[in-house]
Amino acid sequence: MVKDLEKLAKYESDNLAINKTEFDLGEVINIIVRNFETEFALKNVKLKFLYRSEKIYGDRDKISQVIINLISNGLKYTDEGGVVEINVDELDTYIVIKIKDNGIGMSEEDLPHIFERFYRADKSRNRLTGGAGIGLTITKAIIDAHKGKIKVDSIKGKGTEFEVLIPKK
């Protein structure tokens, strides 16, 4: 928990070090997807990603952390037999990453709070079953540091979709 809080404090500071380079976002996501295959198979949840090469200028490690956090949440909150889909597209000056699941979803009243530290939409989760409650806070801090945007749509009982927009340059 202490390490998680230290990481969060670093990410929330105005001095978050961003080491920007040009890299292929599709390649990075493809590697992450392969690393998750076993966990998804064990839970009998499908992970779909149609590889698409998209060059992006950003911090490869930190963008990877965003993808890992969102895929991990998709797996955590999707029941057996469900699906988590990842799509990458281009929109004006942004690269758009969408991670959508057909899991348990969140209520409308939870949505404005999900990026707050320690907030849990699923009150049954605790430190042992659901992490420290700071993954989405870290995710938002990384996206903000890249001058990007993150949006979420969710319907309780139907699923959740995160949309991340990162400037191309």
N, C-alpha and C. Protein backbone atom coordinates (compact mmCIF):
# COMPACT_ATOMS: atom_id res chain seq x y z
N MET A 1 0.83 -1.19 0.00
CA MET A 1 0.00 0.00 0.00
C MET A 1 0.88 1.26 0.00
N VAL A 2 1.97 1.25 0.77
CA VAL A 2 2.86 2.41 0.83
C VAL A 2 3.46 2.69 -0.54
N LYS A 3 3.89 1.63 -1.24
CA LYS A 3 4.44 1.81 -2.59
C LYS A 3 3.40 2.40 -3.54
N ASP A 4 2.15 1.91 -3.42
CA ASP A 4 1.08 2.44 -4.26
C ASP A 4 0.87 3.92 -3.99
N LEU A 5 0.90 4.33 -2.72
CA LEU A 5 0.71 5.73 -2.37
C LEU A 5 1.88 6.59 -2.85
N GLU A 6 3.09 6.07 -2.76
CA GLU A 6 4.26 6.80 -3.26
C GLU A 6 4.15 7.00 -4.77
N LYS A 7 3.74 5.95 -5.47
CA LYS A 7 3.56 6.03 -6.92
C LYS A 7 2.49 7.07 -7.26
N LEU A 8 1.38 7.04 -6.52
CA LEU A 8 0.30 7.99 -6.75
C LEU A 8 0.77 9.41 -6.52
N ALA A 9 1.49 9.65 -5.42
CA ALA A 9 1.99 11.00 -5.12
C ALA A 9 2.89 11.50 -6.24
N LYS A 10 3.73 10.61 -6.78
CA LYS A 10 4.62 10.98 -7.89
C LYS A 10 3.80 11.33 -9.13
N TYR A 11 2.79 10.52 -9.43
CA TYR A 11 1.99 10.76 -10.62
C TYR A 11 1.12 12.00 -10.50
N GLU A 12 0.67 12.32 -9.29
CA GLU A 12 -0.20 13.48 -9.11
C GLU A 12 0.58 14.79 -9.02
N SER A 13 1.87 14.73 -8.81
CA SER A 13 2.65 15.96 -8.70
C SER A 13 2.71 16.64 -10.06
N ASP A 14 2.92 17.94 -10.01
CA ASP A 14 3.04 18.71 -11.26
C ASP A 14 4.33 18.39 -11.99
N ASN A 15 5.24 17.71 -11.32
CA ASN A 15 6.56 17.43 -11.89
C ASN A 15 6.67 16.00 -12.42
N LEU A 16 5.56 15.41 -12.82
CA LEU A 16 5.59 14.05 -13.34
C LEU A 16 6.50 14.02 -14.57
N ALA A 17 7.56 13.27 -14.46
CA ALA A 17 8.53 13.18 -15.55
C ALA A 17 7.96 12.35 -16.68
N ILE A 18 7.80 12.98 -17.82
CA ILE A 18 7.30 12.31 -19.01
C ILE A 18 8.47 12.21 -19.98
N ASN A 19 8.81 10.98 -20.34
CA ASN A 19 9.90 10.74 -21.27
C ASN A 19 9.28 10.38 -22.62
N LYS A 20 9.02 11.38 -23.43
CA LYS A 20 8.31 11.17 -24.69
C LYS A 20 9.25 10.70 -25.80
N THR A 21 8.78 9.66 -26.47
CA THR A 21 9.43 9.16 -27.68
C THR A 21 8.32 8.75 -28.63
N GLU A 22 8.67 8.57 -29.89
CA GLU A 22 7.68 8.05 -30.83
C GLU A 22 7.71 6.53 -30.76
N PHE A 23 6.53 5.93 -30.67
CA PHE A 23 6.44 4.47 -30.65
C PHE A 23 5.13 4.02 -31.27
N ASP A 24 5.07 2.74 -31.58
CA ASP A 24 3.88 2.14 -32.18
C ASP A 24 2.95 1.67 -31.06
N LEU A 25 1.87 2.39 -30.86
CA LEU A 25 0.92 2.06 -29.80
C LEU A 25 0.30 0.68 -30.01
N GLY A 26 0.00 0.32 -31.25
CA GLY A 26 -0.57 -0.99 -31.54
C GLY A 26 0.36 -2.11 -31.11
N GLU A 27 1.65 -1.94 -31.35
CA GLU A 27 2.64 -2.94 -30.95
C GLU A 27 2.68 -3.09 -29.43
N VAL A 28 2.65 -1.96 -28.72
CA VAL A 28 2.67 -1.98 -27.25
C VAL A 28 1.43 -2.69 -26.71
N ILE A 29 0.27 -2.34 -27.25
CA ILE A 29 -0.97 -2.98 -26.78
C ILE A 29 -0.94 -4.48 -27.08
N ASN A 30 -0.43 -4.85 -28.25
CA ASN A 30 -0.35 -6.26 -28.63
C ASN A 30 0.50 -7.05 -27.63
N ILE A 31 1.61 -6.49 -27.19
CA ILE A 31 2.46 -7.15 -26.19
C ILE A 31 1.72 -7.29 -24.87
N ILE A 32 1.03 -6.23 -24.45
CA ILE A 32 0.27 -6.27 -23.19
C ILE A 32 -0.83 -7.32 -23.28
N VAL A 33 -1.53 -7.37 -24.40
CA VAL A 33 -2.60 -8.36 -24.59
C VAL A 33 -2.05 -9.78 -24.47
N ARG A 34 -0.90 -10.03 -25.09
CA ARG A 34 -0.29 -11.37 -24.99
C ARG A 34 0.05 -11.71 -23.55
N ASN A 35 0.52 -10.71 -22.78
CA ASN A 35 0.85 -10.95 -21.38
C ASN A 35 -0.37 -11.25 -20.52
N PHE A 36 -1.54 -10.80 -20.96
CA PHE A 36 -2.78 -11.04 -20.21
C PHE A 36 -3.51 -12.32 -20.63
N GLU A 37 -3.09 -12.95 -21.72
CA GLU A 37 -3.83 -14.08 -22.28
C GLU A 37 -4.14 -15.17 -21.27
N THR A 38 -3.18 -15.55 -20.47
CA THR A 38 -3.39 -16.64 -19.50
C THR A 38 -4.44 -16.26 -18.47
N GLU A 39 -4.35 -15.04 -17.93
CA GLU A 39 -5.32 -14.62 -16.92
C GLU A 39 -6.73 -14.60 -17.49
N PHE A 40 -6.89 -14.13 -18.72
CA PHE A 40 -8.20 -14.10 -19.35
C PHE A 40 -8.70 -15.53 -19.61
N ALA A 41 -7.82 -16.40 -20.07
CA ALA A 41 -8.21 -17.79 -20.33
C ALA A 41 -8.65 -18.49 -19.04
N LEU A 42 -7.93 -18.25 -17.96
CA LEU A 42 -8.28 -18.88 -16.68
C LEU A 42 -9.65 -18.45 -16.19
N LYS A 43 -10.02 -17.22 -16.48
CA LYS A 43 -11.33 -16.72 -16.05
C LYS A 43 -12.41 -16.95 -17.11
N ASN A 44 -12.00 -17.48 -18.28
CA ASN A 44 -12.92 -17.70 -19.39
C ASN A 44 -13.58 -16.39 -19.84
N VAL A 45 -12.75 -15.37 -20.00
CA VAL A 45 -13.18 -14.08 -20.54
C VAL A 45 -12.38 -13.86 -21.81
N LYS A 46 -13.06 -13.47 -22.90
CA LYS A 46 -12.37 -13.22 -24.16
C LYS A 46 -11.74 -11.84 -24.14
N LEU A 47 -10.54 -11.74 -24.70
CA LEU A 47 -9.84 -10.48 -24.86
C LEU A 47 -9.63 -10.28 -26.34
N LYS A 48 -10.28 -9.26 -26.90
CA LYS A 48 -10.21 -9.01 -28.34
C LYS A 48 -9.45 -7.72 -28.63
N PHE A 49 -8.47 -7.84 -29.52
CA PHE A 49 -7.74 -6.67 -30.00
C PHE A 49 -7.37 -6.91 -31.45
N LEU A 50 -7.90 -6.08 -32.32
CA LEU A 50 -7.54 -6.14 -33.72
C LEU A 50 -6.37 -5.19 -33.92
N TYR A 51 -5.18 -5.78 -34.14
CA TYR A 51 -3.95 -4.99 -34.22
C TYR A 51 -4.07 -3.91 -35.27
N ARG A 52 -3.69 -2.72 -34.86
CA ARG A 52 -3.64 -1.58 -35.77
C ARG A 52 -2.43 -0.76 -35.39
N SER A 53 -1.55 -0.54 -36.34
CA SER A 53 -0.34 0.24 -36.10
C SER A 53 -0.70 1.72 -36.06
N GLU A 54 -0.35 2.38 -34.96
CA GLU A 54 -0.56 3.82 -34.82
C GLU A 54 0.65 4.41 -34.12
N LYS A 55 1.33 5.30 -34.78
CA LYS A 55 2.48 5.98 -34.17
C LYS A 55 1.96 7.05 -33.21
N ILE A 56 2.60 7.12 -32.06
CA ILE A 56 2.22 8.10 -31.05
C ILE A 56 3.48 8.64 -30.41
N TYR A 57 3.40 9.87 -29.94
CA TYR A 57 4.52 10.51 -29.28
C TYR A 57 4.14 10.67 -27.81
N GLY A 58 4.72 9.84 -26.96
CA GLY A 58 4.38 9.86 -25.55
C GLY A 58 5.36 9.02 -24.75
N ASP A 59 5.08 8.89 -23.49
CA ASP A 59 5.91 8.08 -22.60
C ASP A 59 5.42 6.63 -22.69
N ARG A 60 6.21 5.81 -23.35
CA ARG A 60 5.82 4.42 -23.60
C ARG A 60 5.48 3.66 -22.32
N ASP A 61 6.31 3.79 -21.29
CA ASP A 61 6.07 3.07 -20.04
C ASP A 61 4.79 3.53 -19.35
N LYS A 62 4.57 4.83 -19.34
CA LYS A 62 3.39 5.35 -18.65
C LYS A 62 2.11 5.06 -19.42
N ILE A 63 2.16 5.15 -20.73
CA ILE A 63 1.00 4.78 -21.55
C ILE A 63 0.72 3.29 -21.39
N SER A 64 1.77 2.49 -21.29
CA SER A 64 1.59 1.05 -21.04
C SER A 64 0.87 0.83 -19.71
N GLN A 65 1.22 1.62 -18.69
CA GLN A 65 0.57 1.49 -17.39
C GLN A 65 -0.92 1.80 -17.49
N VAL A 66 -1.28 2.80 -18.28
CA VAL A 66 -2.69 3.14 -18.51
C VAL A 66 -3.42 1.94 -19.11
N ILE A 67 -2.84 1.37 -20.16
CA ILE A 67 -3.47 0.23 -20.85
C ILE A 67 -3.61 -0.95 -19.88
N ILE A 68 -2.55 -1.24 -19.14
CA ILE A 68 -2.58 -2.35 -18.17
C ILE A 68 -3.66 -2.13 -17.13
N ASN A 69 -3.75 -0.91 -16.59
CA ASN A 69 -4.78 -0.62 -15.57
C ASN A 69 -6.18 -0.84 -16.12
N LEU A 70 -6.44 -0.37 -17.34
CA LEU A 70 -7.79 -0.47 -17.89
C LEU A 70 -8.13 -1.91 -18.29
N ILE A 71 -7.18 -2.64 -18.86
CA ILE A 71 -7.43 -4.05 -19.20
C ILE A 71 -7.63 -4.86 -17.92
N SER A 72 -6.82 -4.59 -16.92
CA SER A 72 -6.93 -5.29 -15.64
C SER A 72 -8.30 -5.07 -15.01
N ASN A 73 -8.79 -3.83 -15.05
CA ASN A 73 -10.13 -3.55 -14.53
C ASN A 73 -11.19 -4.28 -15.34
N GLY A 74 -11.02 -4.30 -16.66
CA GLY A 74 -11.97 -5.02 -17.50
C GLY A 74 -12.06 -6.48 -17.11
N LEU A 75 -10.91 -7.10 -16.89
CA LEU A 75 -10.87 -8.50 -16.48
C LEU A 75 -11.50 -8.68 -15.10
N LYS A 76 -11.15 -7.82 -14.18
CA LYS A 76 -11.61 -7.92 -12.79
C LYS A 76 -13.13 -7.82 -12.68
N TYR A 77 -13.74 -6.96 -13.49
CA TYR A 77 -15.16 -6.68 -13.35
C TYR A 77 -16.03 -7.32 -14.44
N THR A 78 -15.45 -8.26 -15.20
CA THR A 78 -16.21 -9.00 -16.21
C THR A 78 -16.32 -10.44 -15.77
N ASP A 79 -17.55 -10.94 -15.78
CA ASP A 79 -17.80 -12.31 -15.35
C ASP A 79 -17.37 -13.32 -16.40
N GLU A 80 -17.26 -14.56 -15.98
CA GLU A 80 -16.93 -15.66 -16.87
C GLU A 80 -17.85 -15.63 -18.09
N GLY A 81 -17.25 -15.86 -19.25
CA GLY A 81 -18.01 -15.84 -20.50
C GLY A 81 -18.11 -14.46 -21.12
N GLY A 82 -17.59 -13.45 -20.44
CA GLY A 82 -17.67 -12.08 -20.93
C GLY A 82 -16.57 -11.76 -21.93
N VAL A 83 -16.56 -10.49 -22.35
CA VAL A 83 -15.63 -10.04 -23.38
C VAL A 83 -15.07 -8.66 -23.00
N VAL A 84 -13.78 -8.49 -23.22
CA VAL A 84 -13.12 -7.19 -23.12
C VAL A 84 -12.54 -6.90 -24.50
N GLU A 85 -12.91 -5.75 -25.07
CA GLU A 85 -12.45 -5.38 -26.41
C GLU A 85 -11.61 -4.12 -26.36
N ILE A 86 -10.54 -4.12 -27.15
CA ILE A 86 -9.65 -2.96 -27.24
C ILE A 86 -9.61 -2.52 -28.69
N ASN A 87 -9.82 -1.23 -28.90
CA ASN A 87 -9.75 -0.65 -30.25
C ASN A 87 -8.88 0.59 -30.23
N VAL A 88 -8.12 0.77 -31.29
CA VAL A 88 -7.29 1.95 -31.46
C VAL A 88 -7.72 2.62 -32.75
N ASP A 89 -7.89 3.93 -32.70
CA ASP A 89 -8.31 4.68 -33.88
C ASP A 89 -7.66 6.05 -33.86
N GLU A 90 -7.96 6.81 -34.87
CA GLU A 90 -7.41 8.15 -35.03
C GLU A 90 -8.57 9.12 -35.11
N LEU A 91 -8.47 10.26 -34.42
CA LEU A 91 -9.52 11.27 -34.46
C LEU A 91 -8.84 12.64 -34.43
N ASP A 92 -8.89 13.34 -35.54
CA ASP A 92 -8.26 14.66 -35.65
C ASP A 92 -6.81 14.59 -35.19
N THR A 93 -6.49 15.26 -34.10
CA THR A 93 -5.10 15.32 -33.61
C THR A 93 -4.84 14.33 -32.48
N TYR A 94 -5.78 13.39 -32.28
CA TYR A 94 -5.66 12.42 -31.19
C TYR A 94 -5.60 10.99 -31.70
N ILE A 95 -4.94 10.15 -30.92
CA ILE A 95 -5.08 8.71 -31.06
C ILE A 95 -6.08 8.30 -29.98
N VAL A 96 -7.05 7.49 -30.34
CA VAL A 96 -8.12 7.10 -29.43
C VAL A 96 -7.99 5.62 -29.09
N ILE A 97 -7.98 5.33 -27.81
CA ILE A 97 -7.95 3.96 -27.32
C ILE A 97 -9.27 3.73 -26.60
N LYS A 98 -10.00 2.70 -27.03
CA LYS A 98 -11.25 2.34 -26.36
C LYS A 98 -11.10 0.95 -25.78
N ILE A 99 -11.43 0.84 -24.50
CA ILE A 99 -11.42 -0.46 -23.82
C ILE A 99 -12.81 -0.66 -23.25
N LYS A 100 -13.49 -1.66 -23.79
CA LYS A 100 -14.91 -1.87 -23.49
C LYS A 100 -15.10 -3.29 -22.96
N ASP A 101 -15.93 -3.42 -21.93
CA ASP A 101 -16.27 -4.76 -21.43
C ASP A 101 -17.78 -4.87 -21.29
N ASN A 102 -18.24 -6.11 -21.15
CA ASN A 102 -19.66 -6.35 -20.89
C ASN A 102 -19.81 -6.89 -19.46
N GLY A 103 -19.05 -6.28 -18.55
CA GLY A 103 -19.02 -6.70 -17.16
C GLY A 103 -20.13 -6.10 -16.32
N ILE A 104 -19.84 -5.93 -15.05
CA ILE A 104 -20.87 -5.52 -14.08
C ILE A 104 -21.28 -4.06 -14.21
N GLY A 105 -20.46 -3.24 -14.84
CA GLY A 105 -20.80 -1.84 -15.03
C GLY A 105 -20.82 -1.05 -13.73
N MET A 106 -21.09 0.23 -13.85
CA MET A 106 -21.14 1.13 -12.69
C MET A 106 -22.40 1.97 -12.77
N SER A 107 -22.88 2.40 -11.63
CA SER A 107 -24.07 3.25 -11.60
C SER A 107 -23.70 4.67 -12.01
N GLU A 108 -24.70 5.39 -12.45
CA GLU A 108 -24.51 6.76 -12.89
C GLU A 108 -23.95 7.65 -11.78
N GLU A 109 -24.36 7.40 -10.54
CA GLU A 109 -23.87 8.23 -9.43
C GLU A 109 -22.40 7.95 -9.10
N ASP A 110 -21.88 6.77 -9.47
CA ASP A 110 -20.47 6.46 -9.22
C ASP A 110 -19.53 7.12 -10.23
N LEU A 111 -19.99 7.29 -11.45
CA LEU A 111 -19.12 7.74 -12.54
C LEU A 111 -18.33 9.03 -12.27
N PRO A 112 -18.92 10.07 -11.65
CA PRO A 112 -18.13 11.28 -11.42
C PRO A 112 -16.98 11.10 -10.43
N HIS A 113 -16.98 9.99 -9.69
CA HIS A 113 -16.00 9.80 -8.62
C HIS A 113 -14.92 8.77 -8.90
N ILE A 114 -15.01 8.05 -10.00
CA ILE A 114 -14.13 6.89 -10.17
C ILE A 114 -12.65 7.24 -10.32
N PHE A 115 -12.33 8.48 -10.64
CA PHE A 115 -10.92 8.87 -10.76
C PHE A 115 -10.36 9.43 -9.45
N GLU A 116 -11.20 9.46 -8.41
CA GLU A 116 -10.74 9.93 -7.10
C GLU A 116 -9.98 8.81 -6.41
N ARG A 117 -8.93 9.18 -5.67
CA ARG A 117 -8.15 8.17 -4.97
C ARG A 117 -9.03 7.45 -3.94
N PHE A 118 -8.82 6.15 -3.86
CA PHE A 118 -9.47 5.21 -2.93
C PHE A 118 -10.97 5.02 -3.19
N TYR A 119 -11.53 5.64 -4.22
CA TYR A 119 -12.95 5.46 -4.48
C TYR A 119 -13.19 4.10 -5.13
N ARG A 120 -14.19 3.41 -4.66
CA ARG A 120 -14.56 2.11 -5.23
C ARG A 120 -16.03 2.12 -5.60
N ALA A 121 -16.30 1.92 -6.88
CA ALA A 121 -17.70 1.82 -7.31
C ALA A 121 -18.30 0.52 -6.78
N ASP A 122 -17.49 -0.54 -6.71
CA ASP A 122 -17.94 -1.82 -6.18
C ASP A 122 -17.54 -1.88 -4.71
N LYS A 123 -18.48 -1.58 -3.85
CA LYS A 123 -18.19 -1.48 -2.41
C LYS A 123 -17.78 -2.81 -1.79
N SER A 124 -18.05 -3.92 -2.48
CA SER A 124 -17.66 -5.22 -1.94
C SER A 124 -16.17 -5.48 -2.10
N ARG A 125 -15.49 -4.68 -2.92
CA ARG A 125 -14.05 -4.86 -3.11
C ARG A 125 -13.31 -4.30 -1.91
N ASN A 126 -12.18 -4.92 -1.59
CA ASN A 126 -11.31 -4.38 -0.55
C ASN A 126 -9.87 -4.51 -1.02
N ARG A 127 -8.93 -4.15 -0.19
CA ARG A 127 -7.51 -4.18 -0.56
C ARG A 127 -7.09 -5.58 -1.02
N LEU A 128 -7.65 -6.62 -0.42
CA LEU A 128 -7.24 -7.98 -0.77
C LEU A 128 -7.83 -8.44 -2.10
N THR A 129 -9.02 -7.97 -2.43
CA THR A 129 -9.67 -8.45 -3.65
C THR A 129 -9.66 -7.45 -4.79
N GLY A 130 -9.42 -6.17 -4.50
CA GLY A 130 -9.56 -5.20 -5.56
C GLY A 130 -8.47 -4.16 -5.65
N GLY A 131 -7.32 -4.39 -5.06
CA GLY A 131 -6.23 -3.43 -5.15
C GLY A 131 -6.41 -2.29 -4.16
N ALA A 132 -5.62 -1.24 -4.36
CA ALA A 132 -5.59 -0.11 -3.42
C ALA A 132 -6.63 0.96 -3.73
N GLY A 133 -7.32 0.86 -4.86
CA GLY A 133 -8.31 1.88 -5.21
C GLY A 133 -7.68 3.13 -5.80
N ILE A 134 -6.49 2.99 -6.39
CA ILE A 134 -5.84 4.17 -6.98
C ILE A 134 -5.46 3.98 -8.45
N GLY A 135 -5.79 2.84 -9.03
CA GLY A 135 -5.41 2.58 -10.42
C GLY A 135 -5.97 3.60 -11.39
N LEU A 136 -7.25 3.96 -11.24
CA LEU A 136 -7.84 4.93 -12.16
C LEU A 136 -7.35 6.35 -11.86
N THR A 137 -6.98 6.61 -10.61
CA THR A 137 -6.40 7.91 -10.27
C THR A 137 -5.05 8.07 -10.97
N ILE A 138 -4.24 7.03 -10.91
CA ILE A 138 -2.95 7.04 -11.60
C ILE A 138 -3.15 7.15 -13.11
N THR A 139 -4.10 6.40 -13.63
CA THR A 139 -4.40 6.44 -15.06
C THR A 139 -4.73 7.86 -15.51
N LYS A 140 -5.61 8.53 -14.77
CA LYS A 140 -5.99 9.90 -15.13
C LYS A 140 -4.81 10.85 -15.02
N ALA A 141 -3.97 10.70 -14.00
CA ALA A 141 -2.80 11.57 -13.84
C ALA A 141 -1.85 11.42 -15.03
N ILE A 142 -1.66 10.20 -15.50
CA ILE A 142 -0.79 9.96 -16.66
C ILE A 142 -1.38 10.61 -17.91
N ILE A 143 -2.67 10.42 -18.12
CA ILE A 143 -3.33 11.01 -19.30
C ILE A 143 -3.26 12.53 -19.23
N ASP A 144 -3.51 13.11 -18.05
CA ASP A 144 -3.42 14.56 -17.88
C ASP A 144 -2.01 15.06 -18.19
N ALA A 145 -1.00 14.33 -17.75
CA ALA A 145 0.39 14.72 -17.99
C ALA A 145 0.73 14.71 -19.48
N HIS A 146 0.01 13.91 -20.25
CA HIS A 146 0.19 13.86 -21.70
C HIS A 146 -0.72 14.87 -22.43
N LYS A 147 -1.44 15.67 -21.67
CA LYS A 147 -2.40 16.64 -22.22
C LYS A 147 -3.52 15.94 -22.99
N GLY A 148 -3.87 14.75 -22.49
CA GLY A 148 -4.93 13.97 -23.11
C GLY A 148 -6.23 14.06 -22.35
N LYS A 149 -7.15 13.18 -22.70
CA LYS A 149 -8.47 13.15 -22.07
C LYS A 149 -8.85 11.69 -21.82
N ILE A 150 -9.64 11.47 -20.78
CA ILE A 150 -10.19 10.14 -20.54
C ILE A 150 -11.66 10.30 -20.20
N LYS A 151 -12.47 9.46 -20.84
CA LYS A 151 -13.92 9.49 -20.64
C LYS A 151 -14.37 8.08 -20.27
N VAL A 152 -15.48 7.99 -19.59
CA VAL A 152 -16.03 6.68 -19.26
C VAL A 152 -17.54 6.71 -19.44
N ASP A 153 -18.06 5.63 -20.02
CA ASP A 153 -19.49 5.39 -20.12
C ASP A 153 -19.74 4.03 -19.50
N SER A 154 -20.76 3.93 -18.69
CA SER A 154 -21.03 2.65 -18.04
C SER A 154 -22.51 2.55 -17.71
N ILE A 155 -23.00 1.35 -17.79
CA ILE A 155 -24.37 1.04 -17.38
C ILE A 155 -24.31 -0.15 -16.44
N LYS A 156 -24.86 0.02 -15.27
CA LYS A 156 -24.87 -1.04 -14.27
C LYS A 156 -25.49 -2.30 -14.87
N GLY A 157 -24.75 -3.40 -14.76
CA GLY A 157 -25.23 -4.68 -15.28
C GLY A 157 -24.98 -4.90 -16.76
N LYS A 158 -24.48 -3.88 -17.47
CA LYS A 158 -24.27 -3.99 -18.92
C LYS A 158 -22.80 -3.88 -19.32
N GLY A 159 -22.01 -3.10 -18.59
CA GLY A 159 -20.60 -2.98 -18.94
C GLY A 159 -20.11 -1.55 -18.90
N THR A 160 -18.83 -1.42 -19.23
CA THR A 160 -18.13 -0.13 -19.14
C THR A 160 -17.25 0.06 -20.35
N GLU A 161 -17.15 1.31 -20.80
CA GLU A 161 -16.23 1.65 -21.88
C GLU A 161 -15.41 2.87 -21.46
N PHE A 162 -14.08 2.71 -21.50
CA PHE A 162 -13.17 3.82 -21.29
C PHE A 162 -12.67 4.27 -22.64
N GLU A 163 -12.63 5.58 -22.82
CA GLU A 163 -12.09 6.16 -24.05
C GLU A 163 -10.95 7.10 -23.65
N VAL A 164 -9.77 6.80 -24.15
CA VAL A 164 -8.57 7.59 -23.86
C VAL A 164 -8.15 8.29 -25.14
N LEU A 165 -7.99 9.61 -25.06
CA LEU A 165 -7.53 10.39 -26.20
C LEU A 165 -6.16 10.97 -25.86
N ILE A 166 -5.16 10.64 -26.69
CA ILE A 166 -3.81 11.11 -26.47
C ILE A 166 -3.38 11.88 -27.71
N PRO A 167 -2.87 13.11 -27.52
CA PRO A 167 -2.42 13.87 -28.68
C PRO A 167 -1.35 13.10 -29.47
N LYS A 168 -1.41 13.18 -30.79
CA LYS A 168 -0.45 12.48 -31.63
C LYS A 168 0.97 13.01 -31.44
N LYS A 169 1.10 14.29 -31.26
CA LYS A 169 2.44 14.91 -31.16
C LYS A 169 2.59 15.63 -29.84
